[in-house]
Amino acid sequence: MEVQRPGRVNILLHLIGVAILKLLGWKVEGGPPDVPKVVVIVAPHTSNWDYPLALFISYYFRIKAAWFGKAEIFKWPLIGWFFPKTGGIPVYRDRPQGLVEQLVNVFNERDEIMLVLAPEGTRARMPHWHSGFYKIALQAKVPICLGYLDFKRKAGGFGPLYYPTGSLEEDLEYIRKFYAAVTPRHPDQVGPITFKDGDMA
């Protein structure tokens, strides 16, 4: 798997992020986690606005975060070459290693990485979160940063760092308490912060 060095977005994108957030009336809180490797989750995810707002906040901080996608999209004509330049990491469905193992390998290969993902995986109400972020953090021995978008206060940014203990219910309870104070765009679409039965087996 190709190793991409982390970097910062250029000053133009930074200024665009600052200007758009100001135009929309959003304020940025907290700062990027001061650790070389981290999994950042962004929640709750209930709106099409979540992605662009999170992107503009990353521009505000001049962060080029990592994200993952199916390897096929990195081969798309005309635009596939662009995805790695924006932090994209291809994951391969036809390899013996699963998604979690492939991303743990990426963490082990790099000196610095900020992997950002939405644990709900969709804007619709879900009965559980996907556990991949938790498994990656545990196996790579890195912290989880609780990113958020609070539509009631029109504020978003980086919350606390949490080092998962491996005690699943204790770790999830910490995450629940933090996000209980965050208001998404569509509160009725927020599902419980739990994992699917047997997902951690």
N, C-alpha and C. Protein backbone atom coordinates (compact mmCIF):
# COMPACT_ATOMS: atom_id res chain seq x y z
N MET A 1 0.85 -1.19 0.00
CA MET A 1 0.00 0.00 0.00
C MET A 1 0.89 1.25 0.00
N GLU A 2 0.58 2.19 -0.89
CA GLU A 2 1.39 3.39 -1.00
C GLU A 2 1.29 4.23 0.26
N VAL A 3 2.42 4.73 0.73
CA VAL A 3 2.44 5.56 1.92
C VAL A 3 2.48 7.02 1.50
N GLN A 4 1.48 7.79 1.91
CA GLN A 4 1.42 9.21 1.62
C GLN A 4 1.83 9.99 2.87
N ARG A 5 2.76 10.90 2.74
CA ARG A 5 3.16 11.74 3.87
C ARG A 5 2.06 12.73 4.18
N PRO A 6 1.83 13.01 5.46
CA PRO A 6 0.83 14.01 5.81
C PRO A 6 1.28 15.39 5.39
N GLY A 7 0.34 16.29 5.23
CA GLY A 7 0.70 17.64 4.83
C GLY A 7 -0.35 18.63 5.29
N ARG A 8 -0.21 19.86 4.82
CA ARG A 8 -1.15 20.91 5.15
C ARG A 8 -1.74 21.44 3.85
N VAL A 9 -3.01 21.86 3.92
CA VAL A 9 -3.61 22.47 2.74
C VAL A 9 -3.00 23.85 2.54
N ASN A 10 -3.08 24.35 1.31
CA ASN A 10 -2.45 25.63 1.02
C ASN A 10 -3.22 26.79 1.63
N ILE A 11 -2.61 27.96 1.59
CA ILE A 11 -3.19 29.13 2.25
C ILE A 11 -4.49 29.56 1.60
N LEU A 12 -4.63 29.32 0.29
CA LEU A 12 -5.87 29.68 -0.39
C LEU A 12 -7.05 28.90 0.16
N LEU A 13 -6.87 27.57 0.33
CA LEU A 13 -7.96 26.76 0.90
C LEU A 13 -8.25 27.18 2.34
N HIS A 14 -7.21 27.53 3.08
CA HIS A 14 -7.41 28.03 4.45
C HIS A 14 -8.29 29.28 4.43
N LEU A 15 -8.00 30.21 3.56
CA LEU A 15 -8.77 31.45 3.50
C LEU A 15 -10.21 31.19 3.04
N ILE A 16 -10.37 30.23 2.13
CA ILE A 16 -11.73 29.85 1.70
C ILE A 16 -12.51 29.28 2.88
N GLY A 17 -11.88 28.39 3.65
CA GLY A 17 -12.54 27.81 4.81
C GLY A 17 -12.94 28.87 5.82
N VAL A 18 -12.03 29.78 6.11
CA VAL A 18 -12.32 30.87 7.07
C VAL A 18 -13.49 31.71 6.58
N ALA A 19 -13.46 32.08 5.29
CA ALA A 19 -14.49 32.96 4.75
C ALA A 19 -15.86 32.30 4.74
N ILE A 20 -15.93 31.04 4.31
CA ILE A 20 -17.23 30.37 4.23
C ILE A 20 -17.81 30.13 5.62
N LEU A 21 -16.99 29.73 6.58
CA LEU A 21 -17.50 29.53 7.94
C LEU A 21 -18.04 30.84 8.51
N LYS A 22 -17.33 31.94 8.25
CA LYS A 22 -17.79 33.24 8.72
C LYS A 22 -19.10 33.63 8.04
N LEU A 23 -19.19 33.38 6.74
CA LEU A 23 -20.40 33.69 5.98
C LEU A 23 -21.60 32.90 6.51
N LEU A 24 -21.37 31.65 6.87
CA LEU A 24 -22.44 30.79 7.37
C LEU A 24 -22.74 31.03 8.84
N GLY A 25 -21.89 31.83 9.51
CA GLY A 25 -22.13 32.12 10.92
C GLY A 25 -21.65 31.05 11.86
N TRP A 26 -20.72 30.19 11.40
CA TRP A 26 -20.22 29.11 12.23
C TRP A 26 -18.92 29.52 12.92
N LYS A 27 -18.76 29.06 14.16
CA LYS A 27 -17.51 29.28 14.88
C LYS A 27 -16.78 27.96 15.08
N VAL A 28 -15.47 28.06 15.16
CA VAL A 28 -14.62 26.88 15.31
C VAL A 28 -14.11 26.83 16.74
N GLU A 29 -14.18 25.65 17.32
CA GLU A 29 -13.76 25.47 18.71
C GLU A 29 -12.69 24.38 18.79
N GLY A 30 -11.88 24.47 19.84
CA GLY A 30 -10.85 23.46 20.02
C GLY A 30 -9.79 23.56 18.94
N GLY A 31 -8.81 22.72 19.03
CA GLY A 31 -7.75 22.68 18.05
C GLY A 31 -7.41 21.26 17.71
N PRO A 32 -6.67 21.05 16.63
CA PRO A 32 -6.29 19.69 16.23
C PRO A 32 -5.55 18.98 17.37
N PRO A 33 -5.78 17.70 17.55
CA PRO A 33 -5.09 16.96 18.61
C PRO A 33 -3.58 16.97 18.43
N ASP A 34 -2.87 17.21 19.52
CA ASP A 34 -1.42 17.33 19.47
C ASP A 34 -0.76 15.97 19.66
N VAL A 35 -1.08 15.06 18.76
CA VAL A 35 -0.49 13.72 18.75
C VAL A 35 -0.18 13.36 17.31
N PRO A 36 0.83 12.54 17.06
CA PRO A 36 1.20 12.24 15.67
C PRO A 36 0.21 11.34 14.95
N LYS A 37 -0.48 10.48 15.69
CA LYS A 37 -1.41 9.54 15.07
C LYS A 37 -2.71 9.54 15.85
N VAL A 38 -3.83 9.62 15.14
CA VAL A 38 -5.12 9.70 15.81
C VAL A 38 -6.23 9.30 14.85
N VAL A 39 -7.29 8.72 15.41
CA VAL A 39 -8.54 8.48 14.68
C VAL A 39 -9.52 9.56 15.12
N VAL A 40 -10.02 10.35 14.19
CA VAL A 40 -11.01 11.39 14.50
C VAL A 40 -12.37 10.93 14.01
N ILE A 41 -13.34 10.88 14.91
CA ILE A 41 -14.71 10.58 14.49
C ILE A 41 -15.50 11.89 14.48
N VAL A 42 -16.39 12.01 13.51
CA VAL A 42 -17.25 13.18 13.40
C VAL A 42 -18.69 12.72 13.55
N ALA A 43 -19.38 13.23 14.57
CA ALA A 43 -20.73 12.78 14.88
C ALA A 43 -21.49 13.91 15.57
N PRO A 44 -22.81 13.80 15.62
CA PRO A 44 -23.66 12.87 14.87
C PRO A 44 -23.71 13.26 13.39
N HIS A 45 -23.98 12.29 12.54
CA HIS A 45 -24.01 12.50 11.10
C HIS A 45 -25.45 12.34 10.63
N THR A 46 -26.13 13.47 10.39
CA THR A 46 -27.55 13.41 10.01
C THR A 46 -27.88 14.26 8.79
N SER A 47 -26.90 14.93 8.20
CA SER A 47 -27.20 15.92 7.18
C SER A 47 -26.14 15.95 6.08
N ASN A 48 -26.57 16.38 4.89
CA ASN A 48 -25.62 16.60 3.80
C ASN A 48 -24.66 17.75 4.11
N TRP A 49 -25.01 18.59 5.06
CA TRP A 49 -24.15 19.70 5.44
C TRP A 49 -22.94 19.25 6.25
N ASP A 50 -23.02 18.07 6.83
CA ASP A 50 -21.95 17.63 7.74
C ASP A 50 -20.59 17.57 7.03
N TYR A 51 -20.57 17.00 5.84
CA TYR A 51 -19.28 16.84 5.15
C TYR A 51 -18.66 18.18 4.79
N PRO A 52 -19.39 19.08 4.08
CA PRO A 52 -18.74 20.35 3.74
C PRO A 52 -18.33 21.16 4.96
N LEU A 53 -19.13 21.15 6.02
CA LEU A 53 -18.75 21.90 7.22
C LEU A 53 -17.47 21.33 7.84
N ALA A 54 -17.40 20.00 7.93
CA ALA A 54 -16.19 19.38 8.46
C ALA A 54 -14.99 19.69 7.58
N LEU A 55 -15.21 19.72 6.27
CA LEU A 55 -14.12 20.04 5.33
C LEU A 55 -13.64 21.47 5.52
N PHE A 56 -14.58 22.41 5.66
CA PHE A 56 -14.19 23.81 5.84
C PHE A 56 -13.47 24.02 7.17
N ILE A 57 -13.87 23.26 8.20
CA ILE A 57 -13.17 23.35 9.48
C ILE A 57 -11.74 22.82 9.34
N SER A 58 -11.58 21.76 8.56
CA SER A 58 -10.22 21.24 8.33
C SER A 58 -9.40 22.27 7.56
N TYR A 59 -10.01 22.96 6.60
CA TYR A 59 -9.31 24.03 5.89
C TYR A 59 -8.93 25.15 6.85
N TYR A 60 -9.83 25.47 7.77
CA TYR A 60 -9.56 26.51 8.76
C TYR A 60 -8.25 26.22 9.50
N PHE A 61 -8.07 24.96 9.87
CA PHE A 61 -6.87 24.56 10.60
C PHE A 61 -5.73 24.15 9.67
N ARG A 62 -5.96 24.24 8.36
CA ARG A 62 -4.97 23.85 7.34
C ARG A 62 -4.59 22.37 7.47
N ILE A 63 -5.56 21.54 7.80
CA ILE A 63 -5.33 20.12 7.98
C ILE A 63 -5.65 19.37 6.68
N LYS A 64 -4.75 18.49 6.29
CA LYS A 64 -5.06 17.53 5.24
C LYS A 64 -5.24 16.17 5.93
N ALA A 65 -6.47 15.85 6.25
CA ALA A 65 -6.75 14.61 6.97
C ALA A 65 -6.79 13.44 6.00
N ALA A 66 -6.67 12.24 6.54
CA ALA A 66 -6.77 11.02 5.74
C ALA A 66 -8.20 10.47 5.80
N TRP A 67 -8.60 9.85 4.73
CA TRP A 67 -9.90 9.18 4.66
C TRP A 67 -9.70 7.93 3.80
N PHE A 68 -10.65 7.01 3.87
CA PHE A 68 -10.49 5.79 3.08
C PHE A 68 -11.68 5.57 2.18
N GLY A 69 -11.41 4.87 1.08
CA GLY A 69 -12.47 4.53 0.14
C GLY A 69 -12.11 3.26 -0.60
N LYS A 70 -13.08 2.69 -1.28
CA LYS A 70 -12.84 1.49 -2.06
C LYS A 70 -11.77 1.74 -3.12
N ALA A 71 -10.87 0.79 -3.30
CA ALA A 71 -9.74 0.98 -4.22
C ALA A 71 -10.21 1.31 -5.64
N GLU A 72 -11.40 0.85 -6.00
CA GLU A 72 -11.89 1.06 -7.37
C GLU A 72 -12.01 2.54 -7.71
N ILE A 73 -12.39 3.36 -6.74
CA ILE A 73 -12.60 4.78 -7.08
C ILE A 73 -11.28 5.48 -7.37
N PHE A 74 -10.17 4.92 -6.88
CA PHE A 74 -8.86 5.52 -7.13
C PHE A 74 -8.38 5.23 -8.55
N LYS A 75 -9.13 4.38 -9.28
CA LYS A 75 -8.80 4.05 -10.67
C LYS A 75 -9.76 4.72 -11.65
N TRP A 76 -10.68 5.53 -11.12
CA TRP A 76 -11.62 6.21 -12.01
C TRP A 76 -10.87 7.10 -13.00
N PRO A 77 -11.32 7.13 -14.25
CA PRO A 77 -10.70 8.02 -15.23
C PRO A 77 -10.85 9.49 -14.81
N LEU A 78 -9.89 10.27 -15.14
CA LEU A 78 -9.89 11.73 -14.96
C LEU A 78 -9.72 12.19 -13.52
N ILE A 79 -10.43 11.56 -12.56
CA ILE A 79 -10.37 12.10 -11.19
C ILE A 79 -9.74 11.15 -10.17
N GLY A 80 -9.51 9.89 -10.55
CA GLY A 80 -8.96 8.93 -9.59
C GLY A 80 -7.61 9.35 -9.03
N TRP A 81 -6.80 10.00 -9.86
CA TRP A 81 -5.46 10.42 -9.43
C TRP A 81 -5.53 11.47 -8.32
N PHE A 82 -6.66 12.17 -8.24
CA PHE A 82 -6.79 13.30 -7.33
C PHE A 82 -7.02 12.85 -5.88
N PHE A 83 -7.63 11.68 -5.69
CA PHE A 83 -8.02 11.25 -4.35
C PHE A 83 -6.84 11.12 -3.38
N PRO A 84 -5.72 10.50 -3.78
CA PRO A 84 -4.59 10.43 -2.85
C PRO A 84 -4.06 11.80 -2.44
N LYS A 85 -4.19 12.78 -3.34
CA LYS A 85 -3.71 14.13 -3.04
C LYS A 85 -4.56 14.80 -1.98
N THR A 86 -5.79 14.33 -1.79
CA THR A 86 -6.66 14.90 -0.76
C THR A 86 -6.66 14.05 0.52
N GLY A 87 -5.72 13.09 0.60
CA GLY A 87 -5.62 12.27 1.80
C GLY A 87 -6.27 10.90 1.68
N GLY A 88 -6.75 10.56 0.50
CA GLY A 88 -7.44 9.30 0.31
C GLY A 88 -6.54 8.08 0.45
N ILE A 89 -7.07 7.06 1.11
CA ILE A 89 -6.37 5.78 1.29
C ILE A 89 -7.23 4.69 0.65
N PRO A 90 -6.72 3.98 -0.35
CA PRO A 90 -7.52 2.90 -0.95
C PRO A 90 -7.54 1.66 -0.06
N VAL A 91 -8.70 1.05 0.08
CA VAL A 91 -8.81 -0.22 0.78
C VAL A 91 -9.32 -1.26 -0.22
N TYR A 92 -8.81 -2.48 -0.08
CA TYR A 92 -9.02 -3.52 -1.09
C TYR A 92 -9.91 -4.63 -0.54
N ARG A 93 -11.01 -4.87 -1.23
CA ARG A 93 -11.95 -5.90 -0.78
C ARG A 93 -11.48 -7.31 -1.11
N ASP A 94 -10.54 -7.45 -2.06
CA ASP A 94 -10.11 -8.77 -2.50
C ASP A 94 -8.85 -9.26 -1.78
N ARG A 95 -8.42 -8.58 -0.74
CA ARG A 95 -7.23 -8.99 0.00
C ARG A 95 -7.63 -9.77 1.25
N PRO A 96 -6.74 -10.67 1.69
CA PRO A 96 -7.05 -11.46 2.89
C PRO A 96 -7.29 -10.59 4.12
N GLN A 97 -6.56 -9.47 4.22
CA GLN A 97 -6.75 -8.58 5.35
C GLN A 97 -8.06 -7.81 5.18
N GLY A 98 -8.80 -7.67 6.26
CA GLY A 98 -10.02 -6.88 6.22
C GLY A 98 -9.71 -5.39 6.27
N LEU A 99 -10.76 -4.58 6.21
CA LEU A 99 -10.60 -3.14 6.20
C LEU A 99 -9.84 -2.66 7.42
N VAL A 100 -10.21 -3.15 8.60
CA VAL A 100 -9.55 -2.71 9.83
C VAL A 100 -8.07 -3.03 9.79
N GLU A 101 -7.73 -4.24 9.41
CA GLU A 101 -6.32 -4.65 9.39
C GLU A 101 -5.52 -3.82 8.38
N GLN A 102 -6.12 -3.54 7.22
CA GLN A 102 -5.42 -2.72 6.23
C GLN A 102 -5.13 -1.33 6.78
N LEU A 103 -6.09 -0.73 7.48
CA LEU A 103 -5.89 0.61 8.01
C LEU A 103 -4.95 0.62 9.20
N VAL A 104 -4.96 -0.43 9.99
CA VAL A 104 -3.98 -0.54 11.08
C VAL A 104 -2.58 -0.60 10.49
N ASN A 105 -2.42 -1.31 9.38
CA ASN A 105 -1.12 -1.37 8.71
C ASN A 105 -0.67 0.02 8.26
N VAL A 106 -1.62 0.83 7.78
CA VAL A 106 -1.29 2.19 7.37
C VAL A 106 -0.78 2.99 8.57
N PHE A 107 -1.45 2.86 9.71
CA PHE A 107 -1.00 3.54 10.92
C PHE A 107 0.41 3.10 11.30
N ASN A 108 0.69 1.82 11.15
CA ASN A 108 2.01 1.31 11.52
C ASN A 108 3.09 1.79 10.55
N GLU A 109 2.71 2.06 9.30
CA GLU A 109 3.67 2.47 8.29
C GLU A 109 4.02 3.96 8.37
N ARG A 110 3.12 4.74 8.93
CA ARG A 110 3.30 6.20 8.89
C ARG A 110 3.79 6.74 10.23
N ASP A 111 4.51 7.84 10.14
CA ASP A 111 4.94 8.54 11.35
C ASP A 111 3.84 9.46 11.87
N GLU A 112 3.00 9.94 10.95
CA GLU A 112 1.91 10.83 11.32
C GLU A 112 0.69 10.51 10.47
N ILE A 113 -0.48 10.50 11.09
CA ILE A 113 -1.72 10.31 10.34
C ILE A 113 -2.90 10.74 11.21
N MET A 114 -3.83 11.45 10.57
CA MET A 114 -5.11 11.78 11.20
C MET A 114 -6.19 11.20 10.30
N LEU A 115 -6.76 10.08 10.71
CA LEU A 115 -7.80 9.41 9.93
C LEU A 115 -9.16 9.89 10.42
N VAL A 116 -9.95 10.46 9.52
CA VAL A 116 -11.26 11.01 9.87
C VAL A 116 -12.36 10.16 9.26
N LEU A 117 -13.37 9.84 10.06
CA LEU A 117 -14.50 9.07 9.55
C LEU A 117 -15.76 9.34 10.37
N ALA A 118 -16.90 9.02 9.78
CA ALA A 118 -18.19 9.14 10.46
C ALA A 118 -18.63 7.74 10.87
N PRO A 119 -18.67 7.42 12.17
CA PRO A 119 -18.96 6.05 12.59
C PRO A 119 -20.36 5.56 12.27
N GLU A 120 -21.29 6.49 11.99
CA GLU A 120 -22.64 6.06 11.62
C GLU A 120 -22.68 5.56 10.18
N GLY A 121 -21.80 6.11 9.34
CA GLY A 121 -21.69 5.63 7.97
C GLY A 121 -22.77 6.13 7.02
N THR A 122 -23.80 6.77 7.53
CA THR A 122 -24.91 7.26 6.71
C THR A 122 -25.64 8.33 7.47
N ARG A 123 -26.42 9.16 6.73
CA ARG A 123 -27.20 10.21 7.38
C ARG A 123 -28.47 9.67 8.02
N ALA A 124 -28.93 8.50 7.57
CA ALA A 124 -30.17 7.93 8.10
C ALA A 124 -29.96 7.42 9.52
N ARG A 125 -31.06 7.31 10.26
CA ARG A 125 -30.97 6.79 11.63
C ARG A 125 -30.55 5.34 11.59
N MET A 126 -29.52 5.01 12.36
CA MET A 126 -29.00 3.66 12.41
C MET A 126 -29.20 3.06 13.79
N PRO A 127 -29.40 1.74 13.88
CA PRO A 127 -29.58 1.12 15.20
C PRO A 127 -28.28 0.94 15.96
N HIS A 128 -27.15 1.22 15.29
CA HIS A 128 -25.84 1.08 15.94
C HIS A 128 -24.80 1.82 15.13
N TRP A 129 -23.66 2.04 15.74
CA TRP A 129 -22.50 2.60 15.03
C TRP A 129 -21.67 1.46 14.45
N HIS A 130 -20.89 1.76 13.42
CA HIS A 130 -19.88 0.83 12.94
C HIS A 130 -18.70 0.86 13.91
N SER A 131 -18.15 -0.28 14.21
CA SER A 131 -17.10 -0.38 15.24
C SER A 131 -15.69 -0.22 14.68
N GLY A 132 -15.56 0.00 13.37
CA GLY A 132 -14.24 0.04 12.76
C GLY A 132 -13.30 1.04 13.40
N PHE A 133 -13.80 2.25 13.69
CA PHE A 133 -12.94 3.28 14.27
C PHE A 133 -12.35 2.83 15.61
N TYR A 134 -13.18 2.12 16.38
CA TYR A 134 -12.76 1.66 17.71
C TYR A 134 -11.71 0.55 17.58
N LYS A 135 -11.95 -0.37 16.66
CA LYS A 135 -11.01 -1.47 16.44
C LYS A 135 -9.67 -0.95 15.94
N ILE A 136 -9.71 0.02 15.02
CA ILE A 136 -8.47 0.59 14.50
C ILE A 136 -7.67 1.24 15.62
N ALA A 137 -8.35 2.06 16.44
CA ALA A 137 -7.67 2.75 17.53
C ALA A 137 -7.06 1.76 18.52
N LEU A 138 -7.81 0.73 18.86
CA LEU A 138 -7.30 -0.27 19.81
C LEU A 138 -6.09 -1.00 19.25
N GLN A 139 -6.21 -1.48 18.01
CA GLN A 139 -5.15 -2.30 17.43
C GLN A 139 -3.91 -1.48 17.06
N ALA A 140 -4.12 -0.22 16.66
CA ALA A 140 -3.00 0.64 16.31
C ALA A 140 -2.43 1.35 17.53
N LYS A 141 -3.14 1.21 18.66
CA LYS A 141 -2.71 1.84 19.93
C LYS A 141 -2.61 3.35 19.79
N VAL A 142 -3.70 3.94 19.26
CA VAL A 142 -3.77 5.39 19.09
C VAL A 142 -5.05 5.90 19.74
N PRO A 143 -5.10 7.19 20.07
CA PRO A 143 -6.31 7.73 20.68
C PRO A 143 -7.40 8.03 19.66
N ILE A 144 -8.59 8.24 20.18
CA ILE A 144 -9.74 8.68 19.38
C ILE A 144 -10.03 10.13 19.76
N CYS A 145 -10.17 10.99 18.75
CA CYS A 145 -10.57 12.37 19.01
C CYS A 145 -12.04 12.52 18.64
N LEU A 146 -12.81 13.14 19.52
CA LEU A 146 -14.25 13.28 19.31
C LEU A 146 -14.53 14.61 18.60
N GLY A 147 -14.67 14.54 17.27
CA GLY A 147 -15.02 15.72 16.50
C GLY A 147 -16.53 15.89 16.49
N TYR A 148 -16.98 17.12 16.29
CA TYR A 148 -18.42 17.37 16.39
C TYR A 148 -18.85 18.56 15.55
N LEU A 149 -20.15 18.57 15.22
CA LEU A 149 -20.82 19.69 14.57
C LEU A 149 -22.10 19.94 15.34
N ASP A 150 -22.17 21.05 16.05
CA ASP A 150 -23.33 21.38 16.88
C ASP A 150 -24.14 22.45 16.15
N PHE A 151 -25.26 22.04 15.56
CA PHE A 151 -26.06 22.95 14.75
C PHE A 151 -26.84 23.94 15.60
N LYS A 152 -27.13 23.61 16.83
CA LYS A 152 -27.84 24.54 17.71
C LYS A 152 -26.97 25.76 18.00
N ARG A 153 -25.70 25.54 18.27
CA ARG A 153 -24.78 26.64 18.58
C ARG A 153 -24.02 27.11 17.35
N LYS A 154 -24.17 26.39 16.22
CA LYS A 154 -23.41 26.66 15.00
C LYS A 154 -21.92 26.68 15.33
N ALA A 155 -21.48 25.61 15.94
CA ALA A 155 -20.08 25.47 16.35
C ALA A 155 -19.60 24.06 16.07
N GLY A 156 -18.36 23.96 15.65
CA GLY A 156 -17.79 22.64 15.38
C GLY A 156 -16.30 22.66 15.62
N GLY A 157 -15.75 21.48 15.76
CA GLY A 157 -14.31 21.41 15.96
C GLY A 157 -13.90 20.09 16.59
N PHE A 158 -12.81 20.17 17.33
CA PHE A 158 -12.23 18.98 17.94
C PHE A 158 -12.55 18.95 19.43
N GLY A 159 -13.14 17.85 19.86
CA GLY A 159 -13.39 17.64 21.28
C GLY A 159 -12.20 16.94 21.92
N PRO A 160 -12.44 16.24 23.02
CA PRO A 160 -11.34 15.63 23.76
C PRO A 160 -10.74 14.41 23.07
N LEU A 161 -9.51 14.12 23.45
CA LEU A 161 -8.86 12.86 23.07
C LEU A 161 -9.26 11.80 24.06
N TYR A 162 -9.53 10.60 23.55
CA TYR A 162 -9.86 9.50 24.44
C TYR A 162 -9.04 8.28 24.04
N TYR A 163 -8.36 7.72 25.01
CA TYR A 163 -7.57 6.52 24.75
C TYR A 163 -8.42 5.30 25.12
N PRO A 164 -8.87 4.52 24.14
CA PRO A 164 -9.74 3.38 24.45
C PRO A 164 -9.05 2.38 25.37
N THR A 165 -9.82 1.88 26.31
CA THR A 165 -9.28 0.98 27.32
C THR A 165 -9.44 -0.48 26.95
N GLY A 166 -10.34 -0.76 26.01
CA GLY A 166 -10.67 -2.15 25.70
C GLY A 166 -11.89 -2.60 26.48
N SER A 167 -12.29 -1.82 27.49
CA SER A 167 -13.54 -2.08 28.21
C SER A 167 -14.65 -1.40 27.43
N LEU A 168 -15.34 -2.16 26.60
CA LEU A 168 -16.23 -1.60 25.59
C LEU A 168 -17.29 -0.68 26.17
N GLU A 169 -18.01 -1.13 27.18
CA GLU A 169 -19.10 -0.32 27.71
C GLU A 169 -18.59 0.95 28.37
N GLU A 170 -17.47 0.86 29.04
CA GLU A 170 -16.86 2.05 29.65
C GLU A 170 -16.48 3.07 28.58
N ASP A 171 -15.87 2.60 27.51
CA ASP A 171 -15.45 3.49 26.44
C ASP A 171 -16.64 4.12 25.73
N LEU A 172 -17.67 3.33 25.44
CA LEU A 172 -18.85 3.86 24.76
C LEU A 172 -19.60 4.85 25.65
N GLU A 173 -19.61 4.62 26.94
CA GLU A 173 -20.30 5.53 27.84
C GLU A 173 -19.62 6.90 27.85
N TYR A 174 -18.30 6.91 27.78
CA TYR A 174 -17.58 8.19 27.69
C TYR A 174 -17.99 8.94 26.42
N ILE A 175 -18.06 8.21 25.31
CA ILE A 175 -18.43 8.82 24.04
C ILE A 175 -19.87 9.32 24.08
N ARG A 176 -20.77 8.52 24.66
CA ARG A 176 -22.18 8.92 24.77
C ARG A 176 -22.32 10.22 25.55
N LYS A 177 -21.63 10.34 26.65
CA LYS A 177 -21.75 11.53 27.49
C LYS A 177 -21.30 12.77 26.74
N PHE A 178 -20.25 12.64 25.95
CA PHE A 178 -19.79 13.80 25.21
C PHE A 178 -20.81 14.23 24.16
N TYR A 179 -21.30 13.29 23.36
CA TYR A 179 -22.20 13.65 22.27
C TYR A 179 -23.61 13.96 22.73
N ALA A 180 -23.94 13.66 23.97
CA ALA A 180 -25.27 14.00 24.50
C ALA A 180 -25.50 15.51 24.49
N ALA A 181 -24.42 16.28 24.53
CA ALA A 181 -24.53 17.74 24.56
C ALA A 181 -24.42 18.36 23.18
N VAL A 182 -24.33 17.54 22.13
CA VAL A 182 -24.16 18.03 20.76
C VAL A 182 -25.49 17.88 20.01
N THR A 183 -25.95 18.95 19.37
CA THR A 183 -27.22 18.93 18.64
C THR A 183 -26.97 18.86 17.15
N PRO A 184 -27.36 17.77 16.49
CA PRO A 184 -27.17 17.66 15.04
C PRO A 184 -28.24 18.44 14.29
N ARG A 185 -28.12 18.50 12.99
CA ARG A 185 -29.12 19.22 12.19
C ARG A 185 -30.48 18.55 12.28
N HIS A 186 -30.51 17.22 12.32
CA HIS A 186 -31.77 16.48 12.39
C HIS A 186 -31.73 15.54 13.61
N PRO A 187 -32.09 16.03 14.79
CA PRO A 187 -32.00 15.22 16.01
C PRO A 187 -32.80 13.92 15.96
N ASP A 188 -33.89 13.90 15.18
CA ASP A 188 -34.72 12.70 15.11
C ASP A 188 -34.03 11.56 14.37
N GLN A 189 -32.93 11.86 13.69
CA GLN A 189 -32.21 10.82 12.94
C GLN A 189 -31.01 10.26 13.71
N VAL A 190 -30.86 10.65 14.96
CA VAL A 190 -29.73 10.17 15.76
C VAL A 190 -30.08 8.82 16.38
N GLY A 191 -29.25 7.83 16.13
CA GLY A 191 -29.46 6.51 16.70
C GLY A 191 -28.61 6.33 17.95
N PRO A 192 -28.76 5.21 18.61
CA PRO A 192 -27.99 4.95 19.84
C PRO A 192 -26.50 4.73 19.55
N ILE A 193 -25.68 5.16 20.48
CA ILE A 193 -24.24 4.95 20.35
C ILE A 193 -23.90 3.60 20.97
N THR A 194 -23.94 2.61 20.14
CA THR A 194 -23.65 1.24 20.54
C THR A 194 -23.16 0.50 19.30
N PHE A 195 -22.66 -0.70 19.49
CA PHE A 195 -22.21 -1.50 18.36
C PHE A 195 -23.16 -2.69 18.15
N LYS A 196 -23.16 -3.21 16.96
CA LYS A 196 -23.98 -4.37 16.64
C LYS A 196 -23.58 -5.56 17.50
N ASP A 197 -24.55 -6.30 17.97
CA ASP A 197 -24.28 -7.48 18.80
C ASP A 197 -23.30 -8.41 18.09
N GLY A 198 -22.26 -8.79 18.80
CA GLY A 198 -21.28 -9.71 18.25
C GLY A 198 -20.23 -9.05 17.39
N ASP A 199 -20.32 -7.72 17.17
CA ASP A 199 -19.39 -7.04 16.29
C ASP A 199 -17.97 -7.01 16.84
N MET A 200 -17.83 -7.09 18.16
CA MET A 200 -16.51 -7.03 18.77
C MET A 200 -15.96 -8.41 19.08
N ALA A 201 -16.66 -9.45 18.65
CA ALA A 201 -16.21 -10.82 18.95
C ALA A 201 -14.91 -11.10 18.23
